[in-house]
Amino acid sequence: MKSWQIVRLVAGTFILASLAMGIEGSPVFVSPWWLAFTAFVGANLLQSALTQWCLMDSILRKMGVEPGC
């Protein structure tokens, strides 16, 4: 997998997991504060789209993950 694919995979996983843990009625509900984490991930995705820079992508590339378009 290329770095951009891993970033999207992790972001999507974080969003779905934090929604599951933050919405009452979910079988894995923990606290509504998990919705703040969902907002944080969304804000980071928005920031990376506007600035063309993503910290996680930079870290993955330093770890040797292949960059891609």
C-alpha atoms as a PDB file:
ATOM      1  CA  MET A   1       0.000   0.000   0.000  1.00  0.00           C
ATOM      2  CA  LYS A   2       1.097   3.536  -0.673  1.00  0.00           C
ATOM      3  CA  SER A   3       1.255   6.195   2.046  1.00  0.00           C
ATOM      4  CA  TRP A   4      -1.898   8.031   0.916  1.00  0.00           C
ATOM      5  CA  GLN A   5      -3.862   4.773   1.031  1.00  0.00           C
ATOM      6  CA  ILE A   6      -2.724   4.050   4.586  1.00  0.00           C
ATOM      7  CA  VAL A   7      -3.629   7.597   5.692  1.00  0.00           C
ATOM      8  CA  ARG A   8      -7.158   7.187   4.320  1.00  0.00           C
ATOM      9  CA  LEU A   9      -7.508   3.709   5.819  1.00  0.00           C
ATOM     10  CA  VAL A  10      -6.448   4.886   9.279  1.00  0.00           C
ATOM     11  CA  ALA A  11      -8.588   8.052   9.132  1.00  0.00           C
ATOM     12  CA  GLY A  12     -11.669   6.074   8.090  1.00  0.00           C
ATOM     13  CA  THR A  13     -11.076   3.501  10.804  1.00  0.00           C
ATOM     14  CA  PHE A  14     -10.636   6.215  13.454  1.00  0.00           C
ATOM     15  CA  ILE A  15     -13.815   7.980  12.358  1.00  0.00           C
ATOM     16  CA  LEU A  16     -15.955   4.836  12.382  1.00  0.00           C
ATOM     17  CA  ALA A  17     -14.531   3.606  15.695  1.00  0.00           C
ATOM     18  CA  SER A  18     -14.965   6.964  17.439  1.00  0.00           C
ATOM     19  CA  LEU A  19     -18.521   7.271  16.151  1.00  0.00           C
ATOM     20  CA  ALA A  20     -19.300   3.794  17.465  1.00  0.00           C
ATOM     21  CA  MET A  21     -17.864   4.692  20.871  1.00  0.00           C
ATOM     22  CA  GLY A  22     -19.494   8.133  20.991  1.00  0.00           C
ATOM     23  CA  ILE A  23     -23.087   7.519  19.956  1.00  0.00           C
ATOM     24  CA  GLU A  24     -25.490   6.375  22.650  1.00  0.00           C
ATOM     25  CA  GLY A  25     -27.304   3.219  21.669  1.00  0.00           C
ATOM     26  CA  SER A  26     -24.182   1.733  20.107  1.00  0.00           C
ATOM     27  CA  PRO A  27     -23.198  -1.627  21.580  1.00  0.00           C
ATOM     28  CA  VAL A  28     -19.678  -0.269  22.206  1.00  0.00           C
ATOM     29  CA  PHE A  29     -20.714   3.147  23.573  1.00  0.00           C
ATOM     30  CA  VAL A  30     -18.163   4.612  25.992  1.00  0.00           C
ATOM     31  CA  SER A  31     -18.687   8.367  26.185  1.00  0.00           C
ATOM     32  CA  PRO A  32     -20.070  11.135  23.971  1.00  0.00           C
ATOM     33  CA  TRP A  33     -16.622  12.755  24.207  1.00  0.00           C
ATOM     34  CA  TRP A  34     -15.444  10.314  21.536  1.00  0.00           C
ATOM     35  CA  LEU A  35     -17.302  12.528  19.061  1.00  0.00           C
ATOM     36  CA  ALA A  36     -14.642  15.183  19.736  1.00  0.00           C
ATOM     37  CA  PHE A  37     -12.069  12.740  18.346  1.00  0.00           C
ATOM     38  CA  THR A  38     -14.227  12.337  15.246  1.00  0.00           C
ATOM     39  CA  ALA A  39     -14.191  16.118  14.808  1.00  0.00           C
ATOM     40  CA  PHE A  40     -10.403  16.180  15.317  1.00  0.00           C
ATOM     41  CA  VAL A  41      -9.834  13.614  12.556  1.00  0.00           C
ATOM     42  CA  GLY A  42     -12.188  15.498  10.235  1.00  0.00           C
ATOM     43  CA  ALA A  43     -10.396  18.787  10.941  1.00  0.00           C
ATOM     44  CA  ASN A  44      -7.049  17.172  10.161  1.00  0.00           C
ATOM     45  CA  LEU A  45      -8.380  15.827   6.868  1.00  0.00           C
ATOM     46  CA  LEU A  46      -9.647  19.293   5.977  1.00  0.00           C
ATOM     47  CA  GLN A  47      -6.325  20.901   6.934  1.00  0.00           C
ATOM     48  CA  SER A  48      -4.329  18.411   4.851  1.00  0.00           C
ATOM     49  CA  ALA A  49      -6.552  19.022   1.826  1.00  0.00           C
ATOM     50  CA  LEU A  50      -6.037  22.788   2.064  1.00  0.00           C
ATOM     51  CA  THR A  51      -2.311  22.818   2.840  1.00  0.00           C
ATOM     52  CA  GLN A  52      -1.194  19.691   0.941  1.00  0.00           C
ATOM     53  CA  TRP A  53       0.662  18.545   4.089  1.00  0.00           C
ATOM     54  CA  CYS A  54      -0.194  15.642   6.355  1.00  0.00           C
ATOM     55  CA  LEU A  55       1.883  14.708   9.415  1.00  0.00           C
ATOM     56  CA  MET A  56       0.943  11.039   9.227  1.00  0.00           C
ATOM     57  CA  ASP A  57       1.964  10.884   5.562  1.00  0.00           C
ATOM     58  CA  SER A  58       5.330  12.448   6.456  1.00  0.00           C
ATOM     59  CA  ILE A  59       5.864   9.892   9.230  1.00  0.00           C
ATOM     60  CA  LEU A  60       4.913   6.982   6.972  1.00  0.00           C
ATOM     61  CA  ARG A  61       7.350   8.137   4.288  1.00  0.00           C
ATOM     62  CA  LYS A  62      10.169   8.376   6.862  1.00  0.00           C
ATOM     63  CA  MET A  63       9.312   4.789   7.853  1.00  0.00           C
ATOM     64  CA  GLY A  64       9.904   3.745   4.244  1.00  0.00           C
ATOM     65  CA  VAL A  65       6.335   3.488   2.976  1.00  0.00           C
ATOM     66  CA  GLU A  66       6.157   4.230  -0.725  1.00  0.00           C
ATOM     67  CA  PRO A  67       4.601   7.590  -1.615  1.00  0.00           C
ATOM     68  CA  GLY A  68       2.042   7.691  -4.389  1.00  0.00           C
ATOM     69  CA  CYS A  69      -0.516   9.819  -6.152  1.00  0.00           C
END
